[in-house]
Each structure stands twice: as C-alpha cells, then as structure tokens.
Protein backbone atom coordinates (compact mmCIF):
# COMPACT_ATOMS: atom_id res chain seq x y z
CA UNK A 1 95.56 100.07 92.36
CA UNK A 2 96.41 100.39 88.70
CA UNK A 3 97.27 98.02 85.89
CA UNK A 4 100.98 98.82 85.92
CA UNK A 5 103.21 97.39 83.20
CA UNK A 6 106.25 96.28 85.25
CA UNK A 7 106.57 92.60 86.09
CA UNK A 8 106.62 91.68 89.79
CA UNK A 9 108.59 88.66 90.96
CA UNK A 10 106.56 86.79 93.59
CA UNK A 11 109.14 84.73 95.47
CA UNK A 12 107.74 82.00 97.73
CA UNK A 13 110.18 81.17 100.53
CA UNK A 14 109.81 77.46 101.33
CA UNK A 15 111.05 75.99 104.60
CA UNK A 16 110.82 72.38 105.84
CA UNK A 17 107.25 71.19 106.49
CA UNK A 18 105.69 74.28 104.92
CA UNK A 19 101.90 74.26 104.82
CA UNK A 20 101.11 73.26 101.26
CA UNK A 21 97.97 75.38 101.00
CA UNK A 22 99.97 78.46 102.09
CA UNK A 23 101.96 77.96 98.89
CA UNK A 24 99.38 76.69 96.43
CA UNK A 25 96.47 79.00 97.35
CA UNK A 26 98.18 82.38 96.81
CA UNK A 27 100.23 81.02 93.89
CA UNK A 28 97.04 80.01 92.08
CA UNK A 29 95.53 83.45 92.72
CA UNK A 30 98.53 85.16 91.11
CA UNK A 31 98.50 82.69 88.20
CA UNK A 32 94.83 83.33 87.56
CA UNK A 33 95.41 87.09 87.72
CA UNK A 34 97.89 86.75 84.86
CA UNK A 35 95.39 84.60 82.97
CA UNK A 36 92.66 87.23 83.31
CA UNK A 37 95.07 89.98 82.23
CA UNK A 38 95.95 87.98 79.14
CA UNK A 39 92.24 87.60 78.34
CA UNK A 40 91.95 91.39 78.51
CA UNK A 41 94.91 91.95 76.21
CA UNK A 42 97.27 92.93 79.03
CA UNK A 43 100.77 91.59 79.75
CA UNK A 44 101.37 89.32 82.76
CA UNK A 45 101.86 91.16 86.05
CA UNK A 46 103.33 88.42 88.26
CA UNK A 47 106.21 85.98 87.81
CA UNK A 48 106.25 83.14 90.33
CA UNK A 49 109.41 81.62 91.81
CA UNK A 50 110.02 79.17 94.64
CA UNK A 51 113.20 79.12 96.73
CA UNK A 52 114.49 77.75 99.99
CA UNK A 53 117.57 77.10 102.12
CA UNK A 54 117.87 73.62 100.52
CA UNK A 55 116.57 72.38 97.18
CA UNK A 56 114.34 69.50 98.42
CA UNK A 57 111.97 69.77 101.37
CA UNK A 58 108.93 67.91 102.71
CA UNK A 59 105.67 69.83 103.10
CA UNK A 60 103.10 69.56 105.86
CA UNK A 61 101.22 66.77 104.06
CA UNK A 62 104.33 64.71 103.30
CA UNK A 63 104.65 65.70 99.65
CA UNK A 64 108.25 66.66 98.89
CA UNK A 65 108.97 69.77 96.85
CA UNK A 66 112.09 69.53 94.72
CA UNK A 67 114.23 71.69 92.46
CA UNK A 68 113.76 74.74 94.67
CA UNK A 69 115.95 77.66 93.71
CA UNK A 70 118.52 78.91 96.22
CA UNK A 71 117.59 82.03 98.19
CA UNK A 72 118.81 84.87 95.95
CA UNK A 73 121.73 87.08 96.88
CA UNK A 74 119.91 90.20 95.66
CA UNK A 75 116.69 91.39 94.07
CA UNK A 76 117.23 92.74 90.57
CA UNK A 77 113.54 93.37 89.92
CA UNK A 78 110.55 94.41 92.08
CA UNK A 79 110.04 91.42 94.36
CA UNK A 80 107.32 90.32 96.76
CA UNK A 81 108.79 87.85 99.23
CA UNK A 82 106.06 85.45 100.40
CA UNK A 83 106.99 83.65 103.63
CA UNK A 84 104.70 80.68 104.22
CA UNK A 85 103.85 78.94 107.47
CA UNK A 86 104.50 75.62 109.18
CA UNK A 87 102.42 73.48 111.52
CA UNK A 88 102.60 74.64 115.14
CA UNK A 89 104.72 71.65 116.22
CA UNK A 90 107.50 72.77 113.88
CA UNK A 91 107.18 76.50 114.60
CA UNK A 92 108.04 76.01 118.27
CA UNK A 93 111.27 74.13 117.44
CA UNK A 94 113.27 76.24 114.94
CA UNK A 95 115.77 74.25 112.90
CA UNK A 96 119.07 75.34 111.28
CA UNK A 97 117.14 75.85 108.04
CA UNK A 98 114.77 78.25 109.81
CA UNK A 99 117.71 80.14 111.33
CA UNK A 100 119.39 80.41 107.93
CA UNK A 101 116.18 81.66 106.32
CA UNK A 102 115.71 84.26 109.08
CA UNK A 103 119.23 85.56 108.50
CA UNK A 104 118.57 85.75 104.77
CA UNK A 105 115.33 87.68 105.32
CA UNK A 106 117.07 90.14 107.64
CA UNK A 107 119.99 90.70 105.28
CA UNK A 108 117.91 91.06 102.11
CA UNK A 109 114.79 92.86 103.33
CA UNK A 110 115.58 94.97 106.38
CA UNK A 111 116.79 97.95 104.37
CA UNK A 112 114.21 97.49 101.62
CA UNK A 113 111.29 97.58 104.05
CA UNK A 114 112.32 100.91 105.61
CA UNK A 115 112.88 102.57 102.22
CA UNK A 116 109.69 104.41 101.31
CA UNK A 117 110.55 104.13 97.60
CA UNK A 118 111.41 100.44 97.63
CA UNK A 119 109.56 98.29 95.03
CA UNK A 120 109.88 95.25 97.29
CA UNK A 121 107.46 93.98 99.88
CA UNK A 122 107.07 91.19 102.43
CA UNK A 123 103.98 88.96 102.56
CA UNK A 124 103.65 86.51 105.45
CA UNK A 125 101.11 83.73 105.70
CA UNK A 126 100.14 82.06 108.97
CA UNK A 127 103.25 81.30 111.06
CA UNK A 128 105.39 82.86 108.35
CA UNK A 129 104.89 86.04 110.38
CA UNK A 130 106.88 84.40 113.20
CA UNK A 131 109.76 83.82 110.81
CA UNK A 132 109.66 87.49 109.85
CA UNK A 133 109.71 88.32 113.58
CA UNK A 134 112.79 86.11 114.07
CA UNK A 135 114.40 88.12 111.28
CA UNK A 136 113.67 91.39 113.12
CA UNK A 137 111.48 92.82 110.36
CA UNK A 138 108.34 93.70 112.35
CA UNK A 139 109.45 96.40 114.81
CA UNK A 140 106.78 99.12 115.09
CA UNK A 141 104.71 97.38 112.39
CA UNK A 142 101.08 96.30 112.58
CA UNK A 143 100.86 92.58 111.88
CA UNK A 144 98.92 89.40 112.59
CA UNK A 145 99.19 85.62 112.44
CA UNK A 146 97.14 82.52 113.24
CA UNK A 147 95.10 83.01 116.41
CA UNK A 148 96.94 80.18 118.21
CA UNK A 149 100.28 81.91 117.65
CA UNK A 150 99.48 85.52 118.59
CA UNK A 151 101.13 85.31 122.04
CA UNK A 152 104.24 83.76 120.51
CA UNK A 153 104.37 86.54 117.92
CA UNK A 154 104.22 89.13 120.70
CA UNK A 155 107.17 87.44 122.42
CA UNK A 156 109.25 87.30 119.25
CA UNK A 157 108.38 90.85 118.14
CA UNK A 158 107.79 92.87 121.34
CA UNK A 159 107.93 96.19 119.47
CA UNK A 160 105.37 95.15 116.87
CA UNK A 161 101.69 96.02 117.14
CA UNK A 162 100.08 92.59 116.94
CA UNK A 163 96.45 92.75 115.80
CA UNK A 164 93.99 90.12 116.99
CA UNK A 165 91.03 88.75 115.04
CA UNK A 166 92.04 89.89 111.55
CA UNK A 167 92.10 87.91 108.35
CA UNK A 168 95.06 90.00 107.23
CA UNK A 169 96.81 93.25 108.07
CA UNK A 170 98.68 95.55 105.68
CA UNK A 171 101.22 98.01 107.07
CA UNK A 172 103.15 99.73 104.29
CA UNK A 173 105.27 97.15 102.46
CA UNK A 174 104.41 94.37 104.94
CA UNK A 175 101.25 92.28 104.61
CA UNK A 176 100.56 89.53 107.14
CA UNK A 177 97.69 87.07 107.28
CA UNK A 178 96.05 84.79 109.81
CA UNK A 179 96.85 81.61 108.01
CA UNK A 180 96.07 78.89 105.47
CA UNK A 181 93.05 80.14 103.46
CA UNK A 182 93.79 83.71 104.59
CA UNK A 183 96.78 83.56 102.26
CA UNK A 184 94.31 83.57 99.38
CA UNK A 185 92.55 86.58 100.90
CA UNK A 186 95.70 88.66 101.17
CA UNK A 187 96.73 87.61 97.65
CA UNK A 188 93.35 88.79 96.30
CA UNK A 189 93.77 92.08 98.14
CA UNK A 190 97.21 92.66 96.60
CA UNK A 191 95.94 91.65 93.17
CA UNK A 192 93.12 94.19 93.53
CA UNK A 193 95.64 96.92 94.38
CA UNK A 194 97.80 96.11 91.37
CA UNK A 195 95.26 95.05 88.77
CA UNK A 196 91.91 96.47 89.90
CA UNK A 197 88.93 95.28 91.92
CA UNK A 198 87.13 93.81 88.92
CA UNK A 199 90.01 91.54 87.97
CA UNK A 200 90.44 90.42 91.59
CA UNK A 201 86.72 89.63 91.72
CA UNK A 202 87.12 87.49 88.60
CA UNK A 203 89.97 85.58 90.24
CA UNK A 204 87.88 85.06 93.38
CA UNK A 205 85.00 83.78 91.26
CA UNK A 206 87.31 81.31 89.51
CA UNK A 207 88.60 80.07 92.86
CA UNK A 208 85.04 79.91 94.29
CA UNK A 209 86.02 82.00 97.31
CA UNK A 210 84.54 85.16 98.80
CA UNK A 211 86.44 88.33 98.00
CA UNK A 212 87.70 89.62 101.34
CA UNK A 213 87.62 93.29 102.31
CA UNK A 214 90.55 95.68 102.42
CA UNK A 215 91.97 96.52 105.86
CA UNK A 216 90.76 100.11 105.29
CA UNK A 217 87.31 99.18 104.08
CA UNK A 218 84.25 99.07 106.28
CA UNK A 219 83.03 95.61 107.25
CA UNK A 220 80.26 95.81 104.64
CA UNK A 221 82.23 97.25 101.73
CA UNK A 222 80.05 97.33 98.58
CA UNK A 223 83.04 96.04 96.55
CA UNK A 224 82.60 92.73 98.35
CA UNK A 225 78.94 92.73 99.24
CA UNK A 226 76.44 91.26 96.81
CA UNK A 227 79.16 89.10 95.19
CA UNK A 228 78.44 85.87 97.05
CA UNK A 229 76.86 84.18 94.10
CA UNK A 230 78.05 82.38 90.99
CA UNK A 231 75.77 83.78 88.28
CA UNK A 232 78.02 84.80 85.35
CA UNK A 233 75.69 87.46 83.93
CA UNK A 234 75.37 89.31 87.25
CA UNK A 235 79.13 89.07 87.85
CA UNK A 236 79.81 90.41 84.35
CA UNK A 237 77.64 93.47 84.94
CA UNK A 238 79.10 94.00 88.41
CA UNK A 239 82.62 93.82 86.98
CA UNK A 240 81.71 96.49 84.43
CA UNK A 241 80.30 98.77 87.13
CA UNK A 242 83.32 98.33 89.40
CA UNK A 243 85.73 98.93 86.51
CA UNK A 244 84.05 102.13 85.32
CA UNK A 245 81.60 103.53 87.88
CA UNK A 246 81.97 106.97 86.32
CA UNK A 247 80.31 105.87 83.06
CA UNK A 248 76.83 107.13 82.28
CA UNK A 249 75.22 103.80 83.16
CA UNK A 250 71.50 103.18 82.89
CA UNK A 251 69.48 99.98 82.75
CA UNK A 252 69.74 99.80 78.97
CA UNK A 253 73.54 100.00 78.92
CA UNK A 254 73.87 97.56 81.84
CA UNK A 255 71.54 95.11 80.09
CA UNK A 256 73.70 95.38 76.98
CA UNK A 257 76.79 94.40 79.00
CA UNK A 258 74.90 91.46 80.49
CA UNK A 259 73.42 90.39 77.13
CA UNK A 260 70.02 90.31 78.80
CA UNK A 261 66.75 92.19 78.63
CA UNK A 262 66.38 94.96 81.20
CA UNK A 263 63.57 93.25 83.13
CA UNK A 264 65.44 89.94 83.09
CA UNK A 265 68.64 91.59 84.35
CA UNK A 266 66.73 93.26 87.18
CA UNK A 267 65.25 89.93 88.17
CA UNK A 268 68.67 88.22 88.05
CA UNK A 269 70.23 90.90 90.26
CA UNK A 270 67.46 90.73 92.84
CA UNK A 271 67.47 86.92 92.91
CA UNK A 272 71.25 86.42 93.01
CA UNK A 273 72.79 89.62 94.39
CA UNK A 274 69.88 90.79 96.54
CA UNK A 275 69.95 94.31 95.10
CA UNK A 276 68.91 96.10 91.91
CA UNK A 277 71.58 97.04 89.32
CA UNK A 278 71.15 100.79 89.82
CA UNK A 279 71.28 100.52 93.60
CA UNK A 280 74.46 98.45 93.25
CA UNK A 281 75.88 101.17 91.00
CA UNK A 282 75.06 103.81 93.61
CA UNK A 283 76.81 101.83 96.36
CA UNK A 284 79.93 101.34 94.24
CA UNK A 285 80.05 105.04 93.39
CA UNK A 286 79.71 105.94 97.07
CA UNK A 287 82.50 103.55 98.01
CA UNK A 288 84.77 104.89 95.27
CA UNK A 289 84.09 108.41 96.51
CA UNK A 290 84.82 107.37 100.09
CA UNK A 291 88.16 105.87 99.09
CA UNK A 292 89.10 109.03 97.21
CA UNK A 293 88.21 111.14 100.24
CA UNK A 294 90.27 108.88 102.50
CA UNK A 295 93.26 109.54 100.28
CA UNK A 296 92.73 113.28 100.59
CA UNK A 297 90.69 114.22 97.52
CA UNK A 298 88.27 117.13 97.75
CA UNK A 299 84.54 116.40 97.80
CA UNK A 300 84.22 117.83 94.29
CA UNK A 301 87.07 115.68 92.96
CA UNK A 302 85.78 112.56 94.72
CA UNK A 303 82.34 113.09 93.19
CA UNK A 304 83.81 113.38 89.69
CA UNK A 305 86.03 110.29 90.01
CA UNK A 306 83.16 108.21 91.37
CA UNK A 307 80.73 109.21 88.62
CA UNK A 308 78.43 111.65 90.42
CA UNK A 309 77.34 114.62 88.35
CA UNK A 310 78.22 117.09 91.12
CA UNK A 311 79.33 117.27 94.73
CA UNK A 312 75.69 118.03 95.59
CA UNK A 313 74.61 114.67 94.16
CA UNK A 314 77.35 112.97 96.17
CA UNK A 315 76.26 114.71 99.39
CA UNK A 316 72.64 113.70 98.88
CA UNK A 317 73.49 110.05 98.15
CA UNK A 318 75.93 109.98 101.07
CA UNK A 319 73.35 111.36 103.48
CA UNK A 320 70.72 108.85 102.37
CA UNK A 321 73.10 105.91 102.65
CA UNK A 322 75.23 106.70 105.69
CA UNK A 323 74.08 109.98 107.18
CA UNK A 324 76.49 112.79 107.86
CA UNK A 325 78.56 114.40 105.14
CA UNK A 326 81.49 113.40 102.91
CA UNK A 327 83.26 116.48 104.25
CA UNK A 328 83.75 114.61 107.54
CA UNK A 329 86.00 112.10 105.76
CA UNK A 330 87.73 114.85 103.79
CA UNK A 331 88.58 116.76 106.97
CA UNK A 332 90.00 113.65 108.63
CA UNK A 333 92.18 112.95 105.59
CA UNK A 334 93.61 116.49 105.65
CA UNK A 335 95.69 115.59 108.69
CA UNK A 336 97.60 112.90 106.75
CA UNK A 337 100.26 114.21 104.34
CA UNK A 338 100.96 110.82 102.69
CA UNK A 339 97.28 110.43 101.89
CA UNK A 340 97.11 113.92 100.40
CA UNK A 341 100.03 113.00 98.14
CA UNK A 342 98.42 109.68 97.24
CA UNK A 343 95.10 111.37 96.50
CA UNK A 344 96.37 113.03 93.35
CA UNK A 345 97.67 109.73 92.00
CA UNK A 346 94.53 107.83 93.04
CA UNK A 347 92.17 110.38 91.52
CA UNK A 348 94.17 110.88 88.34
CA UNK A 349 94.16 107.13 87.72
CA UNK A 350 90.43 106.87 88.30
CA UNK A 351 90.65 104.80 91.47
CA UNK A 352 91.16 101.11 90.80
CA UNK A 353 90.11 101.00 87.15
CA UNK A 354 92.02 97.97 85.85
CA UNK A 355 93.07 99.78 82.69
CA UNK A 356 94.26 102.85 84.64
CA UNK A 357 92.44 104.98 82.07
CA UNK A 358 89.18 105.91 83.74
CA UNK A 359 87.29 108.69 82.08
CA UNK A 360 87.24 111.86 84.12
CA UNK A 361 84.03 113.44 82.85
CA UNK A 362 81.34 114.20 85.39
CA UNK A 363 78.18 112.29 84.79
CA UNK A 364 74.81 112.04 86.41
CA UNK A 365 74.27 109.29 88.98
C-alpha cells in the first residue's frame, strides 16, 4: 500500500493463442503507473518482461508475438508472474507448450508461494488460473476464473476454494481474475496496494475504466464510488483527498487544489460526482478508518490515521453513516494475529498514501 522504492519485475508468461487483451490491458496499466510516478518525481515501480516456452507464438486474434524471452531459470529480483489466458477451445486441449509451462510454474513458484516472506507473487488472468491449477499451485487457495471455466477449475484443483461471481480474488501472494477486462481490474488493485489509491485512480482515469473494489472492501467502497466521471478538476480534488485524508481540509483548501472558486467546486462535485466535497472527504476518512480497524488498529489510532480529531468524532460519523460502532470491527480484527501485525505497518505508513509519508497529527473532521 506504500510507494516502495524497489523495482518489481512483472513477467508475462505467454503461451500459444494467448488472449491479447489479457496481455495488453494489465501491461498498459503497469506502464501508466510508472508514468504517473515519474510525473510525481518518483522512480519507476514496475519493469515489464514477456517470456514463453518458445520465442514466437500466435495470439488469439492471429497476431504473432516474437522475440519472447525464455522462461527464466530463477528470479533474481522481486517478480510478479502474470499467467494469461487462452480461448476455451485451446484450454480444453493442452499442448506440449502448456505442459512445459506448467512444469516451469511448479518448479519456480511452488516454494515461493508458500514462503510468507517471499517477494514473488502469481497473478492469473482468465483461464491462466487453469494453468496454475495444472502446475499444482492452488491447493487450499481461494481463486477464480472465467465463469464458463469454473467447473473445470474445480476438477483441476480439487483442494482449492473456487469462488464464483468475482471479478478477482486475492489470497496471499496469489491473485486470480475472471478474465479479459478483469485483468485490468486486478492490475489496478495491485497498483493501488503498491503505489496508493490516488495513483491507481489516475491510471484508471487514463484508461477510461472504472476503478474496481478491493476483495476486502464493501460493494460500495467510497474509494471507488463517485469516480465514474471524467471531469479533471473533480478528479484532482478527489485524488488529493484520497492521498491525504488526514489533512485539515476545508472548502477553501479544496478549492485551491482544484483551481476553482468554492461555489464552483461545490457545483462541479454535485453535478459530476453526485456528492459535496466535504461529504466525500467524510466518506474517505471513514473508509480509511475502517481499513485500519480491519488490520487491527485501535479505534483511537484509526481515527488519527484517517484524519478525525478524536475517536469520539469517528464514532459519531460512523454511527451516522453505517450505524453500530467502530469497536465492532476492532473486536473482530483482534482474533487475527497477521492483521494485528500488519496494523502497525499500515497505520505508521498512513494507510495508502502514495508517498508513504502521511502526517500523523490529529485534525478535526
């Protein structure tokens, strides 16, 4: 969730008749993420590479991809292995190239995916999840694939927990998606984790796609609500709020970010986002607090990270928005040791602030 400095190798594994959009969609998202980091004075975060069992292969649309690198013998740097899908007709008839790729995946990733400290991860798109299943990488993992292939996935990975009706599923170092355009969704989610929600929103805006929710988020997560518009001024102010919800924002400071008069900014928000700027700020602060609580932070700490002046202010806003109490989430998180450990890191880094340097002063909401 932070703007880490280490470069990640994003290795696309290409097999014969790969779905071209499974490759191009996520690859463009990672490229644009680097572009937005550069615009913010940050180093690139992702390095793209493309490899396969042979160096020339046709794609699903007939276009041949050439000069593919060989599948590497080892990973010398943190690596995300992206396994893309094929049309159904090819998935049901595995070729020698598919068998060779499955063996490579098993040999290179099986140990890495069970190591809690491994910097590597597996990302599968569409029927790429079936290839991961053939490699034996999905036992006891939550995963998904294209809806037409769910029964086949269950046959290939009987010990996996196959999830229906999901755009994507993240289980530890394994992220799987339902297919084709869902590859962009899972890429945006991973970019948000690494580089911050605001940067991921900028990438989504460039690609003219809706920013999908996290698997942990509620269906109507404020990070992704009210962003289905293309007005640059409103997006700019929303990015500022998401990046630093703990700042002492008021209409004057938000209008300054948007280079607009206060009344004009209010009108733009209502017309394009369907909400006022200050109500949007309140929703983002509540969501940031909820995420902190899910990771095991105390109510007091969650209030400070999110930008509420006190835990009392958080409780009042929580009750008005959702009912109940933030302590309910805090109590549920207490039963999870990994989340308690993650809470300290999450809170200390200020949630998903793209600079990883969120101010920690308590401010009024």
